[in-house]
C-alpha atoms as a PDB file:
ATOM      1  CA  MET A   1     112.068  89.572  76.615  1.00  0.00           C
ATOM      2  CA  PHE A   2     110.238  92.229  74.599  1.00  0.00           C
ATOM      3  CA  ASN A   3     111.268  91.376  71.042  1.00  0.00           C
ATOM      4  CA  LYS A   4     107.862  89.901  70.217  1.00  0.00           C
ATOM      5  CA  TYR A   5     106.352  93.381  70.566  1.00  0.00           C
ATOM      6  CA  LYS A   6     106.901  96.261  68.167  1.00  0.00           C
ATOM      7  CA  MET A   7     106.998  99.793  69.533  1.00  0.00           C
ATOM      8  CA  ASN A   8     108.677 103.139  68.980  1.00  0.00           C
ATOM      9  CA  LEU A   9     111.578 103.457  71.409  1.00  0.00           C
ATOM     10  CA  GLN A  10     112.488 106.978  70.278  1.00  0.00           C
ATOM     11  CA  VAL A  11     112.560 109.281  73.290  1.00  0.00           C
ATOM     12  CA  LYS A  12     110.444 111.945  71.541  1.00  0.00           C
ATOM     13  CA  ALA A  13     107.667 109.466  70.773  1.00  0.00           C
ATOM     14  CA  PRO A  14     104.706 109.287  73.193  1.00  0.00           C
ATOM     15  CA  ASN A  15     105.109 106.802  76.029  1.00  0.00           C
ATOM     16  CA  ASN A  16     102.426 104.493  74.653  1.00  0.00           C
ATOM     17  CA  PHE A  17     102.866 100.903  75.759  1.00  0.00           C
ATOM     18  CA  ALA A  18     100.585  98.020  74.796  1.00  0.00           C
ATOM     19  CA  ASP A  19      97.944  97.218  77.400  1.00  0.00           C
ATOM     20  CA  HIS A  20      99.042  93.584  77.605  1.00  0.00           C
ATOM     21  CA  TYR A  21     102.433  94.526  79.041  1.00  0.00           C
ATOM     22  CA  SER A  22     102.743  93.903  82.748  1.00  0.00           C
ATOM     23  CA  LEU A  23     103.390  96.928  84.956  1.00  0.00           C
ATOM     24  CA  ASN A  24     106.976  95.771  85.469  1.00  0.00           C
ATOM     25  CA  GLU A  25     107.539  95.323  81.731  1.00  0.00           C
ATOM     26  CA  ALA A  26     106.080  98.745  80.968  1.00  0.00           C
ATOM     27  CA  MET A  27     108.272 100.406  83.594  1.00  0.00           C
ATOM     28  CA  THR A  28     111.385  98.648  82.279  1.00  0.00           C
ATOM     29  CA  LEU A  29     110.634  99.746  78.734  1.00  0.00           C
ATOM     30  CA  PHE A  30     109.867 103.284  79.890  1.00  0.00           C
ATOM     31  CA  TYR A  31     113.289 103.602  81.519  1.00  0.00           C
ATOM     32  CA  GLN A  32     114.977 101.999  78.509  1.00  0.00           C
ATOM     33  CA  LYS A  33     113.180 104.256  76.021  1.00  0.00           C
ATOM     34  CA  ASN A  34     113.938 107.467  77.884  1.00  0.00           C
ATOM     35  CA  GLY A  35     117.499 106.667  78.917  1.00  0.00           C
ATOM     36  CA  PHE A  36     116.772 106.512  82.635  1.00  0.00           C
ATOM     37  CA  GLY A  37     118.448 104.104  84.997  1.00  0.00           C
ATOM     38  CA  PRO A  38     118.727 103.346  88.696  1.00  0.00           C
ATOM     39  CA  ILE A  39     121.197 105.347  90.781  1.00  0.00           C
ATOM     40  CA  VAL A  40     124.119 103.132  91.737  1.00  0.00           C
ATOM     41  CA  GLY A  41     125.082 103.118  95.401  1.00  0.00           C
ATOM     42  CA  ASP A  42     123.475 104.561  98.501  1.00  0.00           C
ATOM     43  CA  ARG A  43     124.218 108.210  97.847  1.00  0.00           C
ATOM     44  CA  GLN A  44     121.602 110.254  96.041  1.00  0.00           C
ATOM     45  CA  PRO A  45     122.474 113.470  94.166  1.00  0.00           C
ATOM     46  CA  LEU A  46     121.772 116.589  96.215  1.00  0.00           C
ATOM     47  CA  THR A  47     120.043 118.344  93.321  1.00  0.00           C
ATOM     48  CA  VAL A  48     118.050 117.386  90.244  1.00  0.00           C
ATOM     49  CA  GLY A  49     117.606 119.419  87.078  1.00  0.00           C
ATOM     50  CA  VAL A  50     114.054 120.683  86.573  1.00  0.00           C
ATOM     51  CA  TYR A  51     112.667 122.234  83.388  1.00  0.00           C
ATOM     52  CA  THR A  52     111.855 125.855  84.225  1.00  0.00           C
ATOM     53  CA  GLY A  53     111.222 128.034  81.211  1.00  0.00           C
ATOM     54  CA  CYS A  54     114.277 128.191  78.955  1.00  0.00           C
ATOM     55  CA  LEU A  55     116.542 126.806  81.672  1.00  0.00           C
ATOM     56  CA  ILE A  56     117.158 123.575  83.523  1.00  0.00           C
ATOM     57  CA  VAL A  57     117.373 124.766  87.125  1.00  0.00           C
ATOM     58  CA  PRO A  58     118.887 122.580  89.890  1.00  0.00           C
ATOM     59  CA  MET A  59     116.340 121.928  92.632  1.00  0.00           C
ATOM     60  CA  PRO A  60     116.849 120.144  95.980  1.00  0.00           C
ATOM     61  CA  ASN A  61     116.506 116.384  95.528  1.00  0.00           C
ATOM     62  CA  ILE A  62     114.194 115.935  98.493  1.00  0.00           C
ATOM     63  CA  GLY A  63     112.796 112.767 100.053  1.00  0.00           C
ATOM     64  CA  VAL A  64     109.274 113.367  98.785  1.00  0.00           C
ATOM     65  CA  ARG A  65     110.566 113.166  95.226  1.00  0.00           C
ATOM     66  CA  HIS A  66     112.208 109.791  95.905  1.00  0.00           C
ATOM     67  CA  LYS A  67     109.047 108.446  97.509  1.00  0.00           C
ATOM     68  CA  TYR A  68     106.751 109.327  94.623  1.00  0.00           C
ATOM     69  CA  LEU A  69     109.065 109.292  91.579  1.00  0.00           C
ATOM     70  CA  LYS A  70     108.166 105.730  90.548  1.00  0.00           C
ATOM     71  CA  TYR A  71     104.472 106.595  90.531  1.00  0.00           C
ATOM     72  CA  HIS A  72     105.080 109.843  88.646  1.00  0.00           C
ATOM     73  CA  ASP A  73     106.899 107.806  86.001  1.00  0.00           C
ATOM     74  CA  LEU A  74     103.956 105.427  85.902  1.00  0.00           C
ATOM     75  CA  HIS A  75     101.714 108.415  85.165  1.00  0.00           C
ATOM     76  CA  HIS A  76     103.782 109.041  82.031  1.00  0.00           C
ATOM     77  CA  ILE A  77     103.004 105.460  81.011  1.00  0.00           C
ATOM     78  CA  LEU A  78      99.295 105.728  81.799  1.00  0.00           C
ATOM     79  CA  THR A  79      98.852 109.031  79.962  1.00  0.00           C
ATOM     80  CA  GLY A  80     101.403 108.548  77.186  1.00  0.00           C
ATOM     81  CA  TYR A  81     102.982 111.952  77.822  1.00  0.00           C
ATOM     82  CA  THR A  82     106.681 112.361  77.039  1.00  0.00           C
ATOM     83  CA  VAL A  83     109.494 113.363  79.396  1.00  0.00           C
ATOM     84  CA  GLY A  84     110.425 116.535  77.470  1.00  0.00           C
ATOM     85  CA  ARG A  85     109.473 120.058  78.497  1.00  0.00           C
ATOM     86  CA  ILE A  86     105.998 119.795  76.978  1.00  0.00           C
ATOM     87  CA  GLY A  87     105.336 116.257  78.177  1.00  0.00           C
ATOM     88  CA  GLU A  88     106.386 117.057  81.749  1.00  0.00           C
ATOM     89  CA  GLY A  89     104.031 120.027  81.649  1.00  0.00           C
ATOM     90  CA  GLU A  90     101.215 117.788  80.430  1.00  0.00           C
ATOM     91  CA  VAL A  91     101.710 115.112  83.058  1.00  0.00           C
ATOM     92  CA  SER A  92     101.890 117.836  85.725  1.00  0.00           C
ATOM     93  CA  ALA A  93      98.639 119.402  84.495  1.00  0.00           C
ATOM     94  CA  TRP A  94      97.079 115.929  84.501  1.00  0.00           C
ATOM     95  CA  GLU A  95      98.292 115.268  88.050  1.00  0.00           C
ATOM     96  CA  LEU A  96      96.903 118.602  89.247  1.00  0.00           C
ATOM     97  CA  GLY A  97      93.579 117.657  87.668  1.00  0.00           C
ATOM     98  CA  THR A  98      93.600 114.397  89.624  1.00  0.00           C
ATOM     99  CA  GLY A  99      94.187 116.285  92.875  1.00  0.00           C
ATOM    100  CA  SER A 100      97.940 115.952  93.439  1.00  0.00           C
ATOM    101  CA  MET A 101      98.036 119.260  95.316  1.00  0.00           C
ATOM    102  CA  PHE A 102      95.752 117.785  97.971  1.00  0.00           C
ATOM    103  CA  ARG A 103      97.695 114.519  98.114  1.00  0.00           C
ATOM    104  CA  HIS A 104     100.954 116.290  99.029  1.00  0.00           C
ATOM    105  CA  PRO A 105     101.639 120.055  98.713  1.00  0.00           C
ATOM    106  CA  ILE A 106     105.247 119.507  97.626  1.00  0.00           C
ATOM    107  CA  LEU A 107     104.046 117.289  94.782  1.00  0.00           C
ATOM    108  CA  GLY A 108     101.699 120.088  93.795  1.00  0.00           C
ATOM    109  CA  VAL A 109     104.469 122.698  93.817  1.00  0.00           C
ATOM    110  CA  MET A 110     106.649 120.460  91.650  1.00  0.00           C
ATOM    111  CA  ASN A 111     103.710 120.174  89.250  1.00  0.00           C
ATOM    112  CA  LEU A 112     103.360 123.968  89.147  1.00  0.00           C
ATOM    113  CA  ILE A 113     106.996 124.399  88.102  1.00  0.00           C
ATOM    114  CA  ALA A 114     106.565 122.056  85.129  1.00  0.00           C
ATOM    115  CA  LEU A 115     103.136 123.476  84.291  1.00  0.00           C
ATOM    116  CA  SER A 116     104.558 126.983  83.894  1.00  0.00           C
ATOM    117  CA  THR A 117     107.001 125.794  81.234  1.00  0.00           C
ATOM    118  CA  GLY A 118     104.435 123.662  79.424  1.00  0.00           C
ATOM    119  CA  PHE A 119     101.861 126.440  79.366  1.00  0.00           C
ATOM    120  CA  PHE A 120     104.294 128.861  77.729  1.00  0.00           C
ATOM    121  CA  LEU A 121     105.038 126.307  75.016  1.00  0.00           C
ATOM    122  CA  LYS A 122     101.677 124.584  74.405  1.00  0.00           C
ATOM    123  CA  PRO A 123      98.832 126.116  76.447  1.00  0.00           C
ATOM    124  CA  LYS A 124      96.063 124.158  74.708  1.00  0.00           C
ATOM    125  CA  ARG A 125      97.731 120.846  75.473  1.00  0.00           C
ATOM    126  CA  MET A 126      98.048 121.795  79.154  1.00  0.00           C
ATOM    127  CA  LEU A 127      94.315 122.533  79.288  1.00  0.00           C
ATOM    128  CA  GLN A 128      93.525 119.210  77.618  1.00  0.00           C
ATOM    129  CA  ALA A 129      95.781 117.332  80.035  1.00  0.00           C
ATOM    130  CA  TYR A 130      94.151 118.999  83.046  1.00  0.00           C
ATOM    131  CA  GLN A 131      90.725 118.074  81.683  1.00  0.00           C
ATOM    132  CA  ARG A 132      91.826 114.439  81.355  1.00  0.00           C
ATOM    133  CA  GLY A 133      93.002 114.567  84.948  1.00  0.00           C
ATOM    134  CA  LEU A 134      89.608 115.757  86.153  1.00  0.00           C
ATOM    135  CA  ILE A 135      88.068 112.414  85.158  1.00  0.00           C
ATOM    136  CA  SER A 136      91.036 110.273  86.225  1.00  0.00           C
ATOM    137  CA  SER A 137      92.855 109.377  89.445  1.00  0.00           C
ATOM    138  CA  ASN A 138      96.553 109.419  90.288  1.00  0.00           C
ATOM    139  CA  THR A 139      98.511 106.631  91.966  1.00  0.00           C
ATOM    140  CA  TYR A 140      99.957 108.695  94.808  1.00  0.00           C
ATOM    141  CA  ASP A 141      97.627 107.447  97.564  1.00  0.00           C
ATOM    142  CA  ALA A 142      98.915 104.702  99.864  1.00  0.00           C
ATOM    143  CA  LYS A 143      96.380 102.117  98.679  1.00  0.00           C
ATOM    144  CA  SER A 144      97.315 102.572  95.014  1.00  0.00           C
ATOM    145  CA  ARG A 145     101.041 102.518  95.756  1.00  0.00           C
ATOM    146  CA  LEU A 146     100.688  99.266  97.694  1.00  0.00           C
ATOM    147  CA  TRP A 147      98.633  97.700  94.890  1.00  0.00           C
ATOM    148  CA  ILE A 148     101.225  98.681  92.280  1.00  0.00           C
ATOM    149  CA  ASP A 149     104.120  97.424  94.401  1.00  0.00           C
ATOM    150  CA  THR A 150     102.460  94.029  94.897  1.00  0.00           C
ATOM    151  CA  HIS A 151     100.895  93.562  91.443  1.00  0.00           C
ATOM    152  CA  GLY A 152     103.815  94.216  89.124  1.00  0.00           C
ATOM    153  CA  GLU A 153     102.932  91.226  86.938  1.00  0.00           C
ATOM    154  CA  HIS A 154      99.383  92.416  86.307  1.00  0.00           C
ATOM    155  CA  PRO A 155      98.634  93.913  82.874  1.00  0.00           C
ATOM    156  CA  LEU A 156      98.813  97.644  82.324  1.00  0.00           C
ATOM    157  CA  ALA A 157      95.207  97.529  81.118  1.00  0.00           C
ATOM    158  CA  GLU A 158      94.051  96.645  84.624  1.00  0.00           C
ATOM    159  CA  LEU A 159      95.525  99.803  86.135  1.00  0.00           C
ATOM    160  CA  LYS A 160      94.272 101.963  83.270  1.00  0.00           C
ATOM    161  CA  GLN A 161      90.767 100.660  83.821  1.00  0.00           C
ATOM    162  CA  ILE A 162      90.661 101.843  87.428  1.00  0.00           C
ATOM    163  CA  LYS A 163      92.623 105.086  86.994  1.00  0.00           C
ATOM    164  CA  MET A 164      92.186 106.553  83.527  1.00  0.00           C
ATOM    165  CA  GLU A 165      89.179 108.641  82.467  1.00  0.00           C
ATOM    166  CA  TYR A 166      86.649 106.515  84.312  1.00  0.00           C
ATOM    167  CA  LYS A 167      84.593 109.252  85.975  1.00  0.00           C
ATOM    168  CA  ALA A 168      81.252 109.817  84.254  1.00  0.00           C
ATOM    169  CA  LYS A 169      81.002 113.440  85.365  1.00  0.00           C
ATOM    170  CA  ILE A 170      83.054 116.130  87.078  1.00  0.00           C
ATOM    171  CA  PHE A 171      81.777 117.445  90.400  1.00  0.00           C
ATOM    172  CA  LEU A 172      81.398 121.235  90.181  1.00  0.00           C
ATOM    173  CA  PRO A 173      83.416 121.581  86.944  1.00  0.00           C
ATOM    174  CA  TRP A 174      83.371 125.387  87.076  1.00  0.00           C
ATOM    175  CA  LEU A 175      85.070 125.236  90.478  1.00  0.00           C
ATOM    176  CA  ARG A 176      87.770 122.917  89.145  1.00  0.00           C
ATOM    177  CA  TRP A 177      88.546 125.366  86.333  1.00  0.00           C
ATOM    178  CA  ILE A 178      88.794 128.215  88.826  1.00  0.00           C
ATOM    179  CA  GLU A 179      91.208 125.936  90.672  1.00  0.00           C
ATOM    180  CA  PHE A 180      93.254 125.596  87.473  1.00  0.00           C
ATOM    181  CA  ALA A 181      93.354 129.383  87.071  1.00  0.00           C
ATOM    182  CA  VAL A 182      94.734 129.635  90.613  1.00  0.00           C
ATOM    183  CA  TYR A 183      97.314 126.950  89.861  1.00  0.00           C
ATOM    184  CA  LEU A 184      98.358 128.750  86.703  1.00  0.00           C
ATOM    185  CA  SER A 185      98.726 132.065  88.536  1.00  0.00           C
ATOM    186  CA  PHE A 186     100.999 130.501  91.149  1.00  0.00           C
ATOM    187  CA  ALA A 187     102.878 128.632  88.411  1.00  0.00           C
ATOM    188  CA  MET A 188     103.664 131.906  86.641  1.00  0.00           C
ATOM    189  CA  LEU A 189     104.759 133.463  89.937  1.00  0.00           C
ATOM    190  CA  ILE A 190     107.079 130.540  90.698  1.00  0.00           C
ATOM    191  CA  HIS A 191     108.354 130.736  87.131  1.00  0.00           C
ATOM    192  CA  ALA A 192     109.294 134.387  87.581  1.00  0.00           C
ATOM    193  CA  VAL A 193     110.863 133.845  91.008  1.00  0.00           C
ATOM    194  CA  VAL A 194     113.002 130.932  89.811  1.00  0.00           C
ATOM    195  CA  VAL A 195     113.818 131.817  86.212  1.00  0.00           C
ATOM    196  CA  ILE A 196     114.583 135.544  86.372  1.00  0.00           C
ATOM    197  CA  PRO A 197     117.387 135.302  88.999  1.00  0.00           C
ATOM    198  CA  ALA A 198     118.783 132.179  87.287  1.00  0.00           C
ATOM    199  CA  LEU A 199     118.764 133.933  83.914  1.00  0.00           C
ATOM    200  CA  ILE A 200     120.489 137.026  85.326  1.00  0.00           C
ATOM    201  CA  LEU A 201     123.123 134.846  86.995  1.00  0.00           C
ATOM    202  CA  ARG A 202     123.677 132.981  83.735  1.00  0.00           C
ATOM    203  CA  ILE A 203     124.116 136.196  81.723  1.00  0.00           C
ATOM    204  CA  VAL A 204     126.497 137.708  84.282  1.00  0.00           C
ATOM    205  CA  SER A 205     128.606 134.539  84.450  1.00  0.00           C
ATOM    206  CA  TYR A 206     128.893 134.411  80.651  1.00  0.00           C
ATOM    207  CA  LEU A 207     129.825 138.110  80.506  1.00  0.00           C
ATOM    208  CA  LEU A 208     132.504 137.591  83.147  1.00  0.00           C
ATOM    209  CA  ALA A 209     133.822 134.716  81.046  1.00  0.00           C
ATOM    210  CA  GLY A 210     134.215 137.105  78.108  1.00  0.00           C
ATOM    211  CA  GLU A 211     131.277 135.952  75.980  1.00  0.00           C
ATOM    212  CA  PRO A 212     129.715 138.659  73.735  1.00  0.00           C
ATOM    213  CA  PHE A 213     126.288 139.738  74.994  1.00  0.00           C
ATOM    214  CA  ILE A 214     124.677 139.142  71.594  1.00  0.00           C
ATOM    215  CA  GLU A 215     125.834 135.508  71.689  1.00  0.00           C
ATOM    216  CA  ILE A 216     124.466 135.055  75.197  1.00  0.00           C
ATOM    217  CA  ILE A 217     120.933 136.163  74.300  1.00  0.00           C
ATOM    218  CA  LYS A 218     120.920 134.478  70.908  1.00  0.00           C
ATOM    219  CA  PRO A 219     118.122 131.846  70.812  1.00  0.00           C
ATOM    220  CA  VAL A 220     119.346 128.266  70.874  1.00  0.00           C
ATOM    221  CA  LYS A 221     117.568 125.559  68.926  1.00  0.00           C
ATOM    222  CA  ARG A 222     116.290 123.151  71.560  1.00  0.00           C
ATOM    223  CA  SER A 223     116.099 119.390  71.257  1.00  0.00           C
ATOM    224  CA  ASP A 224     113.791 118.829  74.236  1.00  0.00           C
ATOM    225  CA  LEU A 225     110.615 120.568  73.040  1.00  0.00           C
ATOM    226  CA  TYR A 226     108.442 117.473  72.980  1.00  0.00           C
END
């Protein structure tokens, strides 16, 4: 189906798909490239691992996440951001720039969790992603979701044209950057609230298992810093 197109299917590569792909084709390739697949059966997992600092912390797998996950994945395709710790931070900063917090507060909080990790790793890239979001729109509104669900055969270029970096100017840009500072403050607070107890629990559990303390705190080379 896709062999006539050449692209990098390495998971660490940006999620850049040719504009002539249909939305359905791009989504299929996105899931193939990143090793994602549909959940088999009616039961959904109760928790989902979320990048939070140096840990992957299990968070409740709530209904809001199911409702908007497809469109969040589509944002990765529109922006090209990866699904690693840095890429999730970038797409979250982009979504906050587009106004995700005002679309649904839980979406915004999920963005803050990923933003905190991304900002620790690559602060400049988070700022750039937020700036891109200020002149773009997300696909979380009901009208956009309906259009996407009923126009899967339309080219990716069509959606990019109406969503990506189309705004000529930012209304009250100084206010939007104050907004980002507020987001970042709450992101750091959430980071501390979630990560510190999880890290303490992890250290204690390893100590109880007989692991030397020096081995527990020894930095581990990560494979998901992209």
